[in-house]
Amino acid sequence: MKHHAADLPLEVLQQFRVIYGTMRQYFRTIEQCCGLPGSQMWILQEVERTPSIGVTELAQRLGIHQSTCSQLVEKLVGQHYLEKQKNPADLRRVGLVLGPQGRSAMQRLPGPAEGVLPGALSSMPEVALKTLNINLAELIFHLRGRDDEFAQVPLAEMVRDAE
């Protein structure tokens, strides 16, 4: 199929729509199944994978600011999705474990809490991923009014805010 140069930007835009729409639909499904947004379910998922994890490591795994992570954790502790546990070896260190609500929500999780995009990116061949990385960096360079702080915001929060 022969492309006209004028059609190419529109085709690429439509590809972004497919990615964004798929993510939005997936995160909506998570929220309907679990009663929590995807970003909060991702926290529960990481705590389930690594019981007694601290907020600092949790923030690193999610690629978000520690203060944002702390706020989300406090909210989840307040609603009994998470519980804080003192580390017996170091009483200053507090680790997180799933609370009763958290265990229940995790049983209803329909797939990966971080969404379908990280898995899709991980399953790509390295050469394709490197090429995509270079090309997205070029696109971002040309993006007027860009805000690099968005790199620290979970996708689940972005697609949720759009509603």
N, C-alpha and C. Protein backbone atom coordinates (compact mmCIF):
# COMPACT_ATOMS: atom_id res chain seq x y z
N MET A 1 0.85 -1.19 0.00
CA MET A 1 0.00 0.00 0.00
C MET A 1 0.88 1.24 0.00
N LYS A 2 0.63 2.12 -0.97
CA LYS A 2 1.45 3.32 -1.10
C LYS A 2 0.87 4.43 -0.24
N HIS A 3 1.75 5.10 0.53
CA HIS A 3 1.32 6.20 1.40
C HIS A 3 1.62 7.53 0.74
N HIS A 4 0.74 8.46 0.95
CA HIS A 4 1.03 9.83 0.56
C HIS A 4 1.64 10.49 1.78
N ALA A 5 2.65 11.32 1.58
CA ALA A 5 3.34 11.97 2.70
C ALA A 5 2.37 12.74 3.58
N ALA A 6 1.33 13.31 3.00
CA ALA A 6 0.36 14.10 3.76
C ALA A 6 -0.49 13.22 4.69
N ASP A 7 -0.64 11.93 4.34
CA ASP A 7 -1.45 11.01 5.15
C ASP A 7 -0.70 10.50 6.38
N LEU A 8 0.62 10.50 6.31
CA LEU A 8 1.44 9.89 7.35
C LEU A 8 1.22 10.49 8.75
N PRO A 9 1.23 11.83 8.90
CA PRO A 9 0.98 12.36 10.26
C PRO A 9 -0.37 11.92 10.83
N LEU A 10 -1.39 11.84 9.98
CA LEU A 10 -2.71 11.41 10.43
C LEU A 10 -2.69 9.93 10.84
N GLU A 11 -1.99 9.11 10.07
CA GLU A 11 -1.90 7.68 10.41
C GLU A 11 -1.20 7.49 11.76
N VAL A 12 -0.13 8.25 12.00
CA VAL A 12 0.60 8.15 13.26
C VAL A 12 -0.29 8.64 14.41
N LEU A 13 -1.02 9.73 14.17
CA LEU A 13 -1.96 10.24 15.18
C LEU A 13 -2.99 9.17 15.53
N GLN A 14 -3.49 8.47 14.52
CA GLN A 14 -4.47 7.40 14.77
C GLN A 14 -3.85 6.26 15.57
N GLN A 15 -2.56 6.00 15.38
CA GLN A 15 -1.88 4.98 16.19
C GLN A 15 -1.85 5.40 17.66
N PHE A 16 -1.58 6.68 17.91
CA PHE A 16 -1.59 7.18 19.29
C PHE A 16 -2.99 7.06 19.88
N ARG A 17 -4.02 7.30 19.08
CA ARG A 17 -5.40 7.17 19.56
C ARG A 17 -5.69 5.74 19.98
N VAL A 18 -5.21 4.77 19.19
CA VAL A 18 -5.42 3.36 19.53
C VAL A 18 -4.74 3.03 20.86
N ILE A 19 -3.50 3.49 21.04
CA ILE A 19 -2.76 3.24 22.28
C ILE A 19 -3.49 3.87 23.46
N TYR A 20 -3.83 5.15 23.32
CA TYR A 20 -4.47 5.89 24.42
C TYR A 20 -5.85 5.30 24.75
N GLY A 21 -6.64 5.03 23.72
CA GLY A 21 -7.98 4.47 23.93
C GLY A 21 -7.94 3.10 24.58
N THR A 22 -6.98 2.27 24.17
CA THR A 22 -6.83 0.93 24.74
C THR A 22 -6.46 1.04 26.21
N MET A 23 -5.54 1.96 26.54
CA MET A 23 -5.15 2.15 27.94
C MET A 23 -6.34 2.62 28.77
N ARG A 24 -7.07 3.59 28.26
CA ARG A 24 -8.21 4.13 28.98
C ARG A 24 -9.24 3.05 29.28
N GLN A 25 -9.54 2.24 28.25
CA GLN A 25 -10.51 1.15 28.39
C GLN A 25 -10.03 0.14 29.44
N TYR A 26 -8.75 -0.20 29.39
CA TYR A 26 -8.19 -1.18 30.32
C TYR A 26 -8.26 -0.66 31.76
N PHE A 27 -7.85 0.61 31.98
CA PHE A 27 -7.87 1.16 33.33
C PHE A 27 -9.30 1.33 33.85
N ARG A 28 -10.24 1.58 32.96
CA ARG A 28 -11.65 1.65 33.35
C ARG A 28 -12.12 0.28 33.83
N THR A 29 -11.69 -0.77 33.14
CA THR A 29 -12.03 -2.15 33.53
C THR A 29 -11.46 -2.47 34.91
N ILE A 30 -10.20 -2.08 35.16
CA ILE A 30 -9.59 -2.30 36.47
C ILE A 30 -10.43 -1.63 37.55
N GLU A 31 -10.80 -0.37 37.33
CA GLU A 31 -11.55 0.37 38.34
C GLU A 31 -12.92 -0.26 38.58
N GLN A 32 -13.56 -0.74 37.51
CA GLN A 32 -14.88 -1.38 37.66
C GLN A 32 -14.75 -2.70 38.43
N CYS A 33 -13.70 -3.46 38.17
CA CYS A 33 -13.51 -4.76 38.83
C CYS A 33 -13.08 -4.62 40.29
N CYS A 34 -12.18 -3.68 40.54
CA CYS A 34 -11.50 -3.62 41.84
C CYS A 34 -11.99 -2.50 42.74
N GLY A 35 -12.64 -1.49 42.17
CA GLY A 35 -13.12 -0.36 42.97
C GLY A 35 -12.05 0.67 43.28
N LEU A 36 -10.88 0.50 42.69
CA LEU A 36 -9.78 1.45 42.86
C LEU A 36 -9.17 1.77 41.49
N PRO A 37 -8.60 2.98 41.34
CA PRO A 37 -7.92 3.30 40.08
C PRO A 37 -6.67 2.44 39.89
N GLY A 38 -6.24 2.31 38.66
CA GLY A 38 -5.08 1.48 38.31
C GLY A 38 -3.83 1.84 39.07
N SER A 39 -3.58 3.13 39.30
CA SER A 39 -2.35 3.53 39.99
C SER A 39 -2.34 2.98 41.42
N GLN A 40 -3.50 2.96 42.07
CA GLN A 40 -3.57 2.43 43.43
C GLN A 40 -3.50 0.90 43.42
N MET A 41 -4.08 0.28 42.40
CA MET A 41 -3.97 -1.18 42.28
C MET A 41 -2.53 -1.59 42.00
N TRP A 42 -1.79 -0.75 41.28
CA TRP A 42 -0.39 -1.06 41.00
C TRP A 42 0.40 -1.07 42.31
N ILE A 43 0.10 -0.15 43.20
CA ILE A 43 0.74 -0.13 44.52
C ILE A 43 0.44 -1.43 45.26
N LEU A 44 -0.83 -1.84 45.28
CA LEU A 44 -1.21 -3.10 45.95
C LEU A 44 -0.48 -4.28 45.33
N GLN A 45 -0.38 -4.28 44.00
CA GLN A 45 0.28 -5.37 43.30
C GLN A 45 1.76 -5.46 43.70
N GLU A 46 2.43 -4.32 43.80
CA GLU A 46 3.84 -4.31 44.19
C GLU A 46 4.03 -4.76 45.64
N VAL A 47 3.09 -4.35 46.51
CA VAL A 47 3.15 -4.78 47.92
C VAL A 47 2.92 -6.29 48.01
N GLU A 48 2.02 -6.81 47.20
CA GLU A 48 1.77 -8.25 47.19
C GLU A 48 3.02 -9.00 46.72
N ARG A 49 3.70 -8.45 45.70
CA ARG A 49 4.92 -9.08 45.17
C ARG A 49 6.07 -9.02 46.17
N THR A 50 6.14 -7.90 46.92
CA THR A 50 7.25 -7.69 47.86
C THR A 50 6.70 -7.22 49.20
N PRO A 51 6.18 -8.16 50.02
CA PRO A 51 5.67 -7.75 51.33
C PRO A 51 6.76 -7.06 52.15
N SER A 52 6.36 -6.06 52.93
CA SER A 52 7.26 -5.25 53.76
C SER A 52 8.07 -4.23 52.96
N ILE A 53 7.69 -3.99 51.70
CA ILE A 53 8.36 -2.98 50.87
C ILE A 53 8.16 -1.61 51.52
N GLY A 54 9.15 -0.75 51.37
CA GLY A 54 9.06 0.61 51.89
C GLY A 54 8.56 1.57 50.82
N VAL A 55 8.14 2.74 51.22
CA VAL A 55 7.58 3.74 50.29
C VAL A 55 8.62 4.18 49.25
N THR A 56 9.88 4.31 49.66
CA THR A 56 10.93 4.76 48.72
C THR A 56 11.09 3.78 47.56
N GLU A 57 11.20 2.50 47.90
CA GLU A 57 11.35 1.49 46.84
C GLU A 57 10.09 1.39 46.00
N LEU A 58 8.95 1.52 46.64
CA LEU A 58 7.67 1.49 45.94
C LEU A 58 7.59 2.62 44.91
N ALA A 59 7.97 3.81 45.31
CA ALA A 59 7.96 4.97 44.40
C ALA A 59 8.89 4.73 43.21
N GLN A 60 10.05 4.13 43.48
CA GLN A 60 11.00 3.83 42.39
C GLN A 60 10.41 2.84 41.41
N ARG A 61 9.76 1.81 41.92
CA ARG A 61 9.17 0.78 41.04
C ARG A 61 8.08 1.35 40.15
N LEU A 62 7.32 2.31 40.69
CA LEU A 62 6.24 2.91 39.91
C LEU A 62 6.71 4.09 39.07
N GLY A 63 7.96 4.54 39.32
CA GLY A 63 8.49 5.68 38.58
C GLY A 63 7.77 6.97 38.90
N ILE A 64 7.39 7.15 40.19
CA ILE A 64 6.67 8.35 40.61
C ILE A 64 7.42 9.01 41.76
N HIS A 65 7.09 10.28 42.04
CA HIS A 65 7.71 10.99 43.15
C HIS A 65 7.35 10.31 44.47
N GLN A 66 8.29 10.34 45.41
CA GLN A 66 8.07 9.71 46.71
C GLN A 66 6.89 10.37 47.44
N SER A 67 6.74 11.69 47.31
CA SER A 67 5.64 12.38 48.00
C SER A 67 4.28 11.93 47.46
N THR A 68 4.20 11.74 46.14
CA THR A 68 2.96 11.24 45.52
C THR A 68 2.67 9.85 46.04
N CYS A 69 3.70 9.01 46.09
CA CYS A 69 3.56 7.64 46.57
C CYS A 69 3.10 7.63 48.03
N SER A 70 3.69 8.47 48.87
CA SER A 70 3.31 8.54 50.29
C SER A 70 1.84 8.90 50.45
N GLN A 71 1.38 9.87 49.66
CA GLN A 71 -0.03 10.28 49.73
C GLN A 71 -0.95 9.13 49.36
N LEU A 72 -0.61 8.42 48.28
CA LEU A 72 -1.43 7.27 47.85
C LEU A 72 -1.42 6.17 48.91
N VAL A 73 -0.26 5.91 49.49
CA VAL A 73 -0.12 4.88 50.52
C VAL A 73 -0.98 5.24 51.75
N GLU A 74 -0.90 6.50 52.19
CA GLU A 74 -1.69 6.93 53.36
C GLU A 74 -3.18 6.72 53.11
N LYS A 75 -3.62 7.06 51.91
CA LYS A 75 -5.03 6.88 51.54
C LYS A 75 -5.41 5.39 51.61
N LEU A 76 -4.55 4.53 51.08
CA LEU A 76 -4.81 3.09 51.07
C LEU A 76 -4.76 2.49 52.47
N VAL A 77 -3.89 3.01 53.33
CA VAL A 77 -3.82 2.56 54.72
C VAL A 77 -5.12 2.97 55.43
N GLY A 78 -5.56 4.20 55.20
CA GLY A 78 -6.79 4.71 55.82
C GLY A 78 -8.03 3.91 55.45
N GLN A 79 -8.01 3.32 54.25
CA GLN A 79 -9.16 2.52 53.78
C GLN A 79 -8.95 1.02 53.98
N HIS A 80 -7.90 0.64 54.72
CA HIS A 80 -7.59 -0.76 55.06
C HIS A 80 -7.20 -1.63 53.86
N TYR A 81 -6.74 -0.99 52.79
CA TYR A 81 -6.20 -1.75 51.66
C TYR A 81 -4.76 -2.17 51.97
N LEU A 82 -4.06 -1.32 52.72
CA LEU A 82 -2.68 -1.59 53.13
C LEU A 82 -2.56 -1.46 54.64
N GLU A 83 -1.55 -2.13 55.19
CA GLU A 83 -1.23 -1.98 56.61
C GLU A 83 0.26 -1.71 56.72
N LYS A 84 0.62 -0.88 57.70
CA LYS A 84 2.03 -0.61 57.97
C LYS A 84 2.52 -1.59 59.02
N GLN A 85 3.75 -2.05 58.82
CA GLN A 85 4.35 -3.02 59.73
C GLN A 85 5.76 -2.56 60.07
N LYS A 86 6.09 -2.51 61.34
CA LYS A 86 7.45 -2.14 61.73
C LYS A 86 8.38 -3.31 61.42
N ASN A 87 9.56 -2.97 60.94
CA ASN A 87 10.58 -3.97 60.64
C ASN A 87 11.20 -4.42 61.97
N PRO A 88 11.11 -5.72 62.30
CA PRO A 88 11.65 -6.18 63.59
C PRO A 88 13.15 -5.90 63.74
N ALA A 89 13.90 -5.92 62.64
CA ALA A 89 15.34 -5.68 62.69
C ALA A 89 15.67 -4.20 62.88
N ASP A 90 14.80 -3.31 62.34
CA ASP A 90 15.03 -1.87 62.43
C ASP A 90 13.68 -1.20 62.64
N LEU A 91 13.37 -0.88 63.89
CA LEU A 91 12.03 -0.37 64.24
C LEU A 91 11.71 0.99 63.61
N ARG A 92 12.73 1.68 63.09
CA ARG A 92 12.46 2.95 62.40
C ARG A 92 11.88 2.70 61.01
N ARG A 93 12.19 1.54 60.43
CA ARG A 93 11.74 1.20 59.09
C ARG A 93 10.32 0.63 59.13
N VAL A 94 9.48 1.17 58.28
CA VAL A 94 8.11 0.67 58.20
C VAL A 94 7.92 0.03 56.83
N GLY A 95 7.39 -1.18 56.84
CA GLY A 95 7.11 -1.88 55.59
C GLY A 95 5.61 -1.96 55.40
N LEU A 96 5.20 -2.23 54.17
CA LEU A 96 3.78 -2.29 53.85
C LEU A 96 3.37 -3.72 53.51
N VAL A 97 2.20 -4.10 53.98
CA VAL A 97 1.60 -5.40 53.63
C VAL A 97 0.15 -5.16 53.25
N LEU A 98 -0.42 -6.10 52.51
CA LEU A 98 -1.83 -5.97 52.12
C LEU A 98 -2.74 -6.10 53.33
N GLY A 99 -3.74 -5.25 53.41
CA GLY A 99 -4.78 -5.38 54.41
C GLY A 99 -5.91 -6.22 53.83
N PRO A 100 -6.97 -6.47 54.60
CA PRO A 100 -8.08 -7.30 54.11
C PRO A 100 -8.71 -6.77 52.83
N GLN A 101 -8.92 -5.44 52.76
CA GLN A 101 -9.51 -4.85 51.55
C GLN A 101 -8.57 -5.03 50.36
N GLY A 102 -7.27 -4.91 50.62
CA GLY A 102 -6.26 -5.04 49.56
C GLY A 102 -6.22 -6.45 48.99
N ARG A 103 -6.30 -7.45 49.88
CA ARG A 103 -6.31 -8.84 49.40
C ARG A 103 -7.54 -9.10 48.54
N SER A 104 -8.67 -8.57 48.98
CA SER A 104 -9.91 -8.74 48.24
C SER A 104 -9.84 -8.06 46.87
N ALA A 105 -9.31 -6.84 46.81
CA ALA A 105 -9.19 -6.11 45.54
C ALA A 105 -8.24 -6.84 44.59
N MET A 106 -7.15 -7.37 45.13
CA MET A 106 -6.16 -8.08 44.29
C MET A 106 -6.76 -9.34 43.66
N GLN A 107 -7.69 -9.99 44.36
CA GLN A 107 -8.34 -11.19 43.80
C GLN A 107 -9.21 -10.85 42.60
N ARG A 108 -9.66 -9.60 42.53
CA ARG A 108 -10.53 -9.17 41.43
C ARG A 108 -9.77 -8.53 40.27
N LEU A 109 -8.45 -8.35 40.42
CA LEU A 109 -7.64 -7.67 39.40
C LEU A 109 -7.64 -8.49 38.10
N PRO A 110 -8.09 -7.88 36.98
CA PRO A 110 -8.24 -8.63 35.73
C PRO A 110 -6.94 -8.87 34.96
N GLY A 111 -5.86 -8.21 35.34
CA GLY A 111 -4.59 -8.34 34.62
C GLY A 111 -3.56 -7.47 35.31
N PRO A 112 -2.46 -7.13 34.64
CA PRO A 112 -1.44 -6.32 35.30
C PRO A 112 -1.96 -4.93 35.67
N ALA A 113 -1.73 -4.54 36.92
CA ALA A 113 -2.26 -3.26 37.40
C ALA A 113 -1.59 -2.06 36.73
N GLU A 114 -0.35 -2.24 36.27
CA GLU A 114 0.34 -1.12 35.64
C GLU A 114 -0.18 -0.84 34.23
N GLY A 115 -1.08 -1.71 33.77
CA GLY A 115 -1.68 -1.52 32.45
C GLY A 115 -1.07 -2.45 31.42
N VAL A 116 -1.55 -2.32 30.19
CA VAL A 116 -1.11 -3.22 29.13
C VAL A 116 0.10 -2.69 28.36
N LEU A 117 0.39 -1.40 28.49
CA LEU A 117 1.50 -0.81 27.74
C LEU A 117 2.87 -1.31 28.20
N PRO A 118 3.17 -1.34 29.52
CA PRO A 118 4.49 -1.85 29.93
C PRO A 118 4.77 -3.27 29.42
N GLY A 119 3.77 -4.12 29.47
CA GLY A 119 3.94 -5.49 28.98
C GLY A 119 4.20 -5.53 27.48
N ALA A 120 3.47 -4.69 26.75
CA ALA A 120 3.66 -4.63 25.30
C ALA A 120 5.07 -4.13 24.97
N LEU A 121 5.54 -3.13 25.70
CA LEU A 121 6.89 -2.60 25.48
C LEU A 121 7.94 -3.65 25.82
N SER A 122 7.73 -4.39 26.92
CA SER A 122 8.68 -5.43 27.34
C SER A 122 8.75 -6.58 26.34
N SER A 123 7.66 -6.82 25.63
CA SER A 123 7.64 -7.96 24.71
C SER A 123 8.19 -7.60 23.32
N MET A 124 8.49 -6.31 23.10
CA MET A 124 9.05 -5.90 21.81
C MET A 124 10.51 -6.29 21.71
N PRO A 125 10.97 -6.60 20.49
CA PRO A 125 12.41 -6.86 20.31
C PRO A 125 13.20 -5.60 20.68
N GLU A 126 14.39 -5.79 21.25
CA GLU A 126 15.18 -4.66 21.75
C GLU A 126 15.46 -3.62 20.66
N VAL A 127 15.74 -4.07 19.45
CA VAL A 127 16.05 -3.12 18.37
C VAL A 127 14.83 -2.24 18.06
N ALA A 128 13.64 -2.83 18.08
CA ALA A 128 12.42 -2.05 17.83
C ALA A 128 12.17 -1.06 18.96
N LEU A 129 12.44 -1.50 20.20
CA LEU A 129 12.24 -0.64 21.36
C LEU A 129 13.22 0.54 21.33
N LYS A 130 14.48 0.27 20.96
CA LYS A 130 15.47 1.35 20.85
C LYS A 130 15.06 2.35 19.77
N THR A 131 14.58 1.85 18.65
CA THR A 131 14.13 2.72 17.56
C THR A 131 12.95 3.57 18.00
N LEU A 132 11.99 2.93 18.69
CA LEU A 132 10.83 3.66 19.21
C LEU A 132 11.28 4.74 20.20
N ASN A 133 12.22 4.41 21.06
CA ASN A 133 12.75 5.36 22.03
C ASN A 133 13.34 6.59 21.33
N ILE A 134 14.14 6.36 20.32
CA ILE A 134 14.76 7.46 19.55
C ILE A 134 13.68 8.31 18.87
N ASN A 135 12.71 7.64 18.26
CA ASN A 135 11.67 8.36 17.52
C ASN A 135 10.73 9.13 18.45
N LEU A 136 10.41 8.56 19.61
CA LEU A 136 9.56 9.28 20.56
C LEU A 136 10.30 10.48 21.14
N ALA A 137 11.60 10.33 21.37
CA ALA A 137 12.41 11.46 21.85
C ALA A 137 12.37 12.60 20.82
N GLU A 138 12.44 12.26 19.57
CA GLU A 138 12.37 13.26 18.49
C GLU A 138 10.99 13.93 18.48
N LEU A 139 9.94 13.14 18.61
CA LEU A 139 8.58 13.68 18.66
C LEU A 139 8.43 14.64 19.83
N ILE A 140 8.91 14.23 21.00
CA ILE A 140 8.80 15.06 22.22
C ILE A 140 9.58 16.36 22.03
N PHE A 141 10.73 16.29 21.35
CA PHE A 141 11.53 17.48 21.08
C PHE A 141 10.71 18.52 20.29
N HIS A 142 9.88 18.05 19.38
CA HIS A 142 9.07 18.94 18.53
C HIS A 142 7.73 19.32 19.16
N LEU A 143 7.45 18.80 20.34
CA LEU A 143 6.16 19.02 20.99
C LEU A 143 6.15 20.38 21.70
N ARG A 144 5.32 21.26 21.20
CA ARG A 144 5.23 22.59 21.79
C ARG A 144 4.52 22.52 23.14
N GLY A 145 5.02 23.26 24.13
CA GLY A 145 4.39 23.29 25.45
C GLY A 145 4.54 22.01 26.24
N ARG A 146 5.54 21.22 25.89
CA ARG A 146 5.71 19.94 26.59
C ARG A 146 6.08 20.16 28.05
N ASP A 147 5.72 19.21 28.88
CA ASP A 147 6.02 19.27 30.31
C ASP A 147 6.63 17.92 30.70
N ASP A 148 7.93 17.91 30.94
CA ASP A 148 8.64 16.67 31.25
C ASP A 148 8.24 16.08 32.60
N GLU A 149 7.56 16.87 33.44
CA GLU A 149 7.09 16.36 34.74
C GLU A 149 6.07 15.23 34.56
N PHE A 150 5.40 15.18 33.41
CA PHE A 150 4.42 14.12 33.16
C PHE A 150 5.07 12.75 33.16
N ALA A 151 6.39 12.69 32.97
CA ALA A 151 7.11 11.41 32.99
C ALA A 151 6.96 10.72 34.35
N GLN A 152 6.65 11.51 35.40
CA GLN A 152 6.54 10.97 36.76
C GLN A 152 5.09 10.65 37.16
N VAL A 153 4.15 10.82 36.25
CA VAL A 153 2.73 10.61 36.57
C VAL A 153 2.29 9.27 35.98
N PRO A 154 1.70 8.37 36.79
CA PRO A 154 1.26 7.08 36.25
C PRO A 154 0.22 7.28 35.14
N LEU A 155 0.31 6.45 34.10
CA LEU A 155 -0.63 6.53 32.98
C LEU A 155 -2.07 6.39 33.46
N ALA A 156 -2.28 5.53 34.46
CA ALA A 156 -3.64 5.32 34.97
C ALA A 156 -4.24 6.63 35.47
N GLU A 157 -3.41 7.49 36.06
CA GLU A 157 -3.89 8.78 36.55
C GLU A 157 -4.20 9.72 35.39
N MET A 158 -3.36 9.69 34.36
CA MET A 158 -3.55 10.57 33.19
C MET A 158 -4.84 10.25 32.46
N VAL A 159 -5.06 8.96 32.18
CA VAL A 159 -6.26 8.61 31.42
C VAL A 159 -7.51 8.78 32.27
N ARG A 160 -7.35 8.69 33.59
CA ARG A 160 -8.48 8.87 34.50
C ARG A 160 -8.87 10.35 34.57
N ASP A 161 -7.86 11.23 34.62
CA ASP A 161 -8.11 12.68 34.68
C ASP A 161 -8.83 13.18 33.43
N ALA A 162 -8.70 12.44 32.33
CA ALA A 162 -9.27 12.89 31.07
C ALA A 162 -10.79 12.74 31.04
N GLU A 163 -11.32 11.98 31.99
CA GLU A 163 -12.77 11.72 31.94
C GLU A 163 -13.60 12.84 32.52
